[in-house]
Amino acid sequence: MDDLYLPRLARIAEVRDETPDTRTFVLQLRDGSVADTLPFVPGQFLELSVFGCGEAPFCIASSPTRPQALEVTVRRTGQLTDALHTLGPGDEIGLRGPCGNGFDVAAARGKDVVFVAGGIGLPPLRGLIWNVLDERESFGRVTVLYGARTPSDLVYKNELADWGRRDDLELLVTVDRAEPGWEGNVGMVPILFDMTELQPASSLVYVCGPPIMIRFVVQDLLMRGFGEDAVISTLERMMQCGVGKCNHCAIGHRYICRDGPVFSYRQIREMVE
């Protein structure tokens, strides 16, 4: 595993625009296929470096069930992401990882799974969603609840359309503010809970999004009867080095990058306390 923390070269194979400030980068390793040289689980992250600009962590947005390439979805938020957004197919970047613990896919088999995402919080869940869909017979009901500020801020619009047409998945989408032509739901993500049938006794819920969204979503789920171990989220905003050395993401006795970034709500509550 230590070799995974050594930097290697990756080539950008494709770039897709998701929103005006967010792009998905499809990466191919220089030293072999993803399955052979970089095994990962959904929820893990990569440390990506743009030469001359630095390094930062980004969640893996693709699924290990589709090992042809790695995908990361990046919103422009600063110097390094600005530099990354200037790159295109054929350009090379540095890569370390995968880092972190990821989602326990085996624990979800046989259960109903509910995904609750807000804005750029869908990419960390996308790999798990595709993992579940590619092994659909191993899971119960699959529900995806997704919200963004505006329709323009919705990522993976083509995939959302495909998911909405599937008869083995329930997709509900909302936006905070409508735009001309939008005929869907308007309101914060928790309004979607009343539009579906939730089964706390048989479900695991995976939540990712802005901290304020996560807080209200978790509170709502707990009031609806979900246990603290059945609500699972990611904490990524404070990560930096990826190996628990810089102390940037330390909370109590845990390091988000090393012990997470995936935690149950019970673990998160105990860390905060």
Protein backbone atom coordinates (compact mmCIF):
# COMPACT_ATOMS: atom_id res chain seq x y z
CA MET A 1 0.00 0.00 0.00
CA ASP A 2 2.87 2.37 0.62
CA ASP A 3 3.56 2.40 -3.13
CA LEU A 4 0.16 4.02 -3.64
CA TYR A 5 1.43 7.13 -1.89
CA LEU A 6 4.31 7.53 -4.36
CA PRO A 7 3.59 9.99 -7.17
CA ARG A 8 2.97 8.71 -10.66
CA LEU A 9 2.03 10.27 -13.96
CA ALA A 10 -1.46 10.34 -15.38
CA ARG A 11 -2.65 11.64 -18.73
CA ILE A 12 -5.88 13.54 -19.19
CA ALA A 13 -7.86 11.53 -21.71
CA GLU A 14 -11.06 13.59 -21.77
CA VAL A 15 -12.57 16.70 -20.21
CA ARG A 16 -16.32 17.21 -19.82
CA ASP A 17 -18.00 20.46 -18.77
CA GLU A 18 -20.56 19.83 -16.04
CA THR A 19 -21.47 23.40 -15.03
CA PRO A 20 -19.98 26.81 -15.87
CA ASP A 21 -17.33 26.29 -13.15
CA THR A 22 -17.11 22.49 -12.86
CA ARG A 23 -15.43 19.94 -15.09
CA THR A 24 -14.92 16.17 -15.05
CA PHE A 25 -11.43 14.95 -15.93
CA VAL A 26 -10.99 11.40 -17.23
CA LEU A 27 -7.51 10.18 -16.30
CA GLN A 28 -5.45 7.29 -17.63
CA LEU A 29 -2.35 6.04 -15.84
CA ARG A 30 0.93 5.96 -17.67
CA ASP A 31 2.00 2.68 -16.02
CA GLY A 32 -0.98 0.43 -16.70
CA SER A 33 -4.72 0.06 -16.26
CA VAL A 34 -6.56 1.25 -13.21
CA ALA A 35 -7.57 -2.29 -12.23
CA ASP A 36 -3.96 -3.53 -12.37
CA THR A 37 -2.13 -0.68 -10.66
CA LEU A 38 -4.60 1.44 -8.72
CA PRO A 39 -7.34 -0.60 -7.04
CA PHE A 40 -9.79 1.62 -5.17
CA VAL A 41 -13.20 1.61 -3.51
CA PRO A 42 -15.90 4.27 -3.84
CA GLY A 43 -15.38 7.17 -1.47
CA GLN A 44 -11.58 7.20 -1.62
CA PHE A 45 -9.73 10.22 -2.96
CA LEU A 46 -6.64 11.09 -4.98
CA GLU A 47 -3.94 13.68 -4.43
CA LEU A 48 -3.55 15.42 -7.79
CA SER A 49 -0.72 17.78 -8.65
CA VAL A 50 -0.53 20.35 -11.40
CA PHE A 51 3.14 20.89 -12.11
CA GLY A 52 4.32 24.25 -10.82
CA CYS A 53 1.10 24.90 -8.88
CA GLY A 54 0.91 22.32 -6.12
CA GLU A 55 -1.19 19.40 -4.97
CA ALA A 56 -4.69 18.94 -3.56
CA PRO A 57 -7.11 16.09 -2.75
CA PHE A 58 -10.05 15.23 -5.01
CA CYS A 59 -12.59 12.46 -4.59
CA ILE A 60 -12.70 9.65 -7.13
CA ALA A 61 -15.96 10.10 -9.03
CA SER A 62 -15.81 6.81 -10.95
CA SER A 63 -16.59 3.25 -9.89
CA PRO A 64 -14.22 0.27 -9.48
CA THR A 65 -16.78 -1.68 -11.50
CA ARG A 66 -15.70 0.46 -14.48
CA PRO A 67 -11.89 0.30 -14.29
CA GLN A 68 -11.01 1.62 -17.72
CA ALA A 69 -10.22 5.07 -16.38
CA LEU A 70 -10.33 7.28 -13.31
CA GLU A 71 -12.63 10.29 -13.15
CA VAL A 72 -12.52 13.33 -10.90
CA THR A 73 -14.99 16.20 -10.96
CA VAL A 74 -13.46 19.54 -10.03
CA ARG A 75 -15.04 22.92 -9.33
CA ARG A 76 -12.89 26.03 -9.77
CA THR A 77 -12.23 27.39 -6.29
CA GLY A 78 -8.63 28.62 -6.26
CA GLN A 79 -5.18 28.67 -7.78
CA LEU A 80 -4.68 24.94 -8.26
CA THR A 81 -8.17 24.22 -9.58
CA ASP A 82 -7.90 27.22 -11.90
CA ALA A 83 -4.68 25.72 -13.28
CA LEU A 84 -6.28 22.28 -13.61
CA HIS A 85 -9.14 23.78 -15.59
CA THR A 86 -6.68 25.12 -18.18
CA LEU A 87 -5.52 21.58 -19.00
CA GLY A 88 -6.99 19.39 -21.70
CA PRO A 89 -6.69 15.98 -23.35
CA GLY A 90 -3.07 14.89 -23.65
CA ASP A 91 -1.79 16.98 -20.75
CA GLU A 92 -0.16 15.22 -17.82
CA ILE A 93 -0.62 15.65 -14.09
CA GLY A 94 0.79 13.97 -10.99
CA LEU A 95 -1.24 11.53 -8.94
CA ARG A 96 -0.95 9.88 -5.51
CA GLY A 97 -3.33 7.42 -3.94
CA PRO A 98 -5.95 6.21 -3.59
CA CYS A 99 -6.15 7.57 -0.04
CA GLY A 100 -8.68 7.17 2.75
CA ASN A 101 -11.09 4.45 3.73
CA GLY A 102 -13.98 4.66 1.24
CA PHE A 103 -17.50 3.25 1.52
CA ASP A 104 -18.10 -0.29 2.76
CA VAL A 105 -19.93 -1.69 -0.28
CA ALA A 106 -20.29 -5.14 1.28
CA ALA A 107 -22.20 -3.69 4.25
CA ALA A 108 -24.81 -2.25 1.88
CA ARG A 109 -25.53 -5.47 -0.02
CA GLY A 110 -29.01 -6.76 0.63
CA LYS A 111 -30.18 -3.39 1.95
CA ASP A 112 -32.12 -0.48 0.51
CA VAL A 113 -29.74 2.37 -0.28
CA VAL A 114 -30.57 6.06 -0.29
CA PHE A 115 -28.19 8.69 -1.68
CA VAL A 116 -28.65 12.31 -0.63
CA ALA A 117 -26.42 14.85 -2.36
CA GLY A 118 -26.20 18.59 -2.67
CA GLY A 119 -24.36 20.45 -5.43
CA ILE A 120 -20.78 19.28 -5.85
CA GLY A 121 -21.53 16.62 -3.22
CA LEU A 122 -22.77 14.22 -5.89
CA PRO A 123 -19.29 13.33 -7.26
CA PRO A 124 -18.13 11.55 -4.06
CA LEU A 125 -21.32 9.45 -4.20
CA ARG A 126 -21.33 8.84 -7.96
CA GLY A 127 -18.78 6.02 -7.78
CA LEU A 128 -20.88 4.20 -5.18
CA ILE A 129 -24.08 4.80 -7.15
CA TRP A 130 -22.56 3.22 -10.26
CA ASN A 131 -21.11 0.39 -8.18
CA VAL A 132 -24.61 -0.34 -6.87
CA LEU A 133 -26.22 -0.06 -10.32
CA ASP A 134 -23.59 -2.33 -11.91
CA GLU A 135 -24.35 -4.95 -9.24
CA ARG A 136 -28.04 -4.10 -9.06
CA GLU A 137 -29.26 -7.56 -8.08
CA SER A 138 -27.28 -7.37 -4.81
CA PHE A 139 -29.22 -4.39 -3.42
CA GLY A 140 -32.78 -3.51 -2.49
CA ARG A 141 -34.49 -0.24 -3.41
CA VAL A 142 -32.18 2.46 -4.74
CA THR A 143 -33.15 6.10 -4.25
CA VAL A 144 -31.15 9.16 -5.31
CA LEU A 145 -32.15 12.56 -3.90
CA TYR A 146 -30.17 15.44 -5.37
CA GLY A 147 -30.32 19.20 -5.13
CA ALA A 148 -28.35 22.21 -6.35
CA ARG A 149 -28.62 25.98 -6.21
CA THR A 150 -29.96 26.31 -9.76
CA PRO A 151 -30.60 23.94 -12.68
CA SER A 152 -27.33 25.15 -14.21
CA ASP A 153 -25.46 23.92 -11.12
CA LEU A 154 -26.63 20.32 -11.48
CA VAL A 155 -23.69 18.07 -12.36
CA TYR A 156 -23.88 14.96 -14.56
CA LYS A 157 -27.00 16.21 -16.33
CA ASN A 158 -26.89 13.42 -18.95
CA GLU A 159 -26.54 10.76 -16.28
CA LEU A 160 -29.36 12.28 -14.26
CA ALA A 161 -31.57 12.00 -17.34
CA ASP A 162 -30.53 8.35 -17.79
CA TRP A 163 -31.14 7.55 -14.12
CA GLY A 164 -34.55 9.17 -14.32
CA ARG A 165 -35.53 6.76 -17.10
CA ARG A 166 -34.51 3.63 -15.19
CA ASP A 167 -37.20 1.51 -13.59
CA ASP A 168 -34.83 0.10 -10.93
CA LEU A 169 -33.91 3.47 -9.42
CA GLU A 170 -35.92 6.36 -8.02
CA LEU A 171 -34.46 9.80 -8.75
CA LEU A 172 -35.78 13.03 -7.27
CA VAL A 173 -34.13 16.38 -8.03
CA THR A 174 -34.69 19.86 -6.62
CA VAL A 175 -33.12 23.29 -6.95
CA ASP A 176 -33.01 26.23 -4.56
CA ARG A 177 -33.89 28.71 -7.31
CA ALA A 178 -35.64 27.93 -10.56
CA GLU A 179 -34.51 29.22 -13.95
CA PRO A 180 -36.60 29.81 -17.08
CA GLY A 181 -37.77 26.46 -18.40
CA TRP A 182 -37.31 24.56 -15.13
CA GLU A 183 -40.42 22.51 -14.36
CA GLY A 184 -39.02 20.40 -11.52
CA ASN A 185 -39.03 20.74 -7.75
CA VAL A 186 -37.97 23.97 -6.05
CA GLY A 187 -36.72 23.92 -2.46
CA MET A 188 -33.96 22.56 -0.25
CA VAL A 189 -32.97 18.90 -0.44
CA PRO A 190 -34.95 17.79 2.66
CA ILE A 191 -38.25 18.54 0.87
CA LEU A 192 -37.58 15.43 -1.21
CA PHE A 193 -37.95 13.17 1.85
CA ASP A 194 -41.72 13.68 1.77
CA MET A 195 -41.85 12.68 -1.91
CA THR A 196 -40.51 9.16 -1.46
CA GLU A 197 -41.04 6.18 0.84
CA LEU A 198 -38.19 5.85 3.32
CA GLN A 199 -37.63 2.60 5.23
CA PRO A 200 -35.30 3.29 8.17
CA ALA A 201 -35.22 -0.33 9.34
CA SER A 202 -33.84 -1.69 6.05
CA SER A 203 -31.84 1.24 4.63
CA LEU A 204 -28.42 2.82 4.64
CA VAL A 205 -28.27 6.51 3.73
CA TYR A 206 -25.21 8.11 2.13
CA VAL A 207 -25.03 11.90 2.43
CA CYS A 208 -22.64 14.38 0.85
CA GLY A 209 -22.85 18.10 0.22
CA PRO A 210 -22.23 21.47 1.87
CA PRO A 211 -21.87 21.22 5.67
CA ILE A 212 -25.08 23.16 6.31
CA MET A 213 -27.00 20.77 4.05
CA ILE A 214 -25.51 17.71 5.74
CA ARG A 215 -26.49 19.05 9.17
CA PHE A 216 -30.15 19.59 8.29
CA VAL A 217 -30.39 16.36 6.30
CA VAL A 218 -28.95 14.29 9.15
CA GLN A 219 -31.26 15.94 11.69
CA ASP A 220 -34.25 15.15 9.49
CA LEU A 221 -33.15 11.53 8.98
CA LEU A 222 -32.70 10.98 12.70
CA MET A 223 -36.18 12.36 13.38
CA ARG A 224 -37.55 9.94 10.77
CA GLY A 225 -36.13 6.96 12.65
CA PHE A 226 -32.76 6.33 11.02
CA GLY A 227 -30.04 5.15 13.38
CA GLU A 228 -26.74 6.99 13.76
CA ASP A 229 -24.84 4.09 12.18
CA ALA A 230 -27.19 3.98 9.18
CA VAL A 231 -26.36 7.56 8.12
CA ILE A 232 -22.96 7.74 6.41
CA SER A 233 -21.22 10.85 5.15
CA THR A 234 -17.87 12.18 3.98
CA LEU A 235 -15.75 14.94 5.52
CA GLU A 236 -13.40 16.33 2.90
CA ARG A 237 -13.17 20.10 3.21
CA MET A 238 -10.16 20.23 5.54
CA MET A 239 -7.94 17.57 3.94
CA GLN A 240 -4.55 18.44 2.53
CA CYS A 241 -1.64 15.95 2.63
CA GLY A 242 -3.71 12.76 2.41
CA VAL A 243 -1.58 10.71 4.81
CA GLY A 244 -2.23 12.22 8.25
CA LYS A 245 1.05 14.12 8.55
CA CYS A 246 0.23 17.80 8.08
CA ASN A 247 -2.32 17.92 10.94
CA HIS A 248 -4.58 20.09 8.79
CA CYS A 249 -7.60 17.78 9.08
CA ALA A 250 -7.15 16.59 12.67
CA ILE A 251 -10.34 16.43 14.72
CA GLY A 252 -9.69 15.09 18.19
CA HIS A 253 -7.73 11.87 17.85
CA ARG A 254 -8.71 11.27 14.23
CA TYR A 255 -7.35 12.46 10.90
CA ILE A 256 -10.01 12.90 8.23
CA CYS A 257 -7.68 11.93 5.39
CA ARG A 258 -6.32 8.82 7.09
CA ASP A 259 -9.26 7.56 9.17
CA GLY A 260 -11.91 8.83 6.73
CA PRO A 261 -13.09 10.65 4.79
CA VAL A 262 -16.08 8.31 5.17
CA PHE A 263 -17.67 8.19 8.62
CA SER A 264 -21.01 7.20 10.10
CA TYR A 265 -22.93 9.96 11.84
CA ARG A 266 -22.19 8.26 15.17
CA GLN A 267 -18.43 8.57 14.48
CA ILE A 268 -18.81 12.19 13.40
CA ARG A 269 -20.78 13.06 16.52
CA GLU A 270 -18.22 11.43 18.77
CA MET A 271 -15.40 13.33 17.06
CA VAL A 272 -17.14 16.66 17.50
CA GLU A 273 -17.88 15.92 21.14
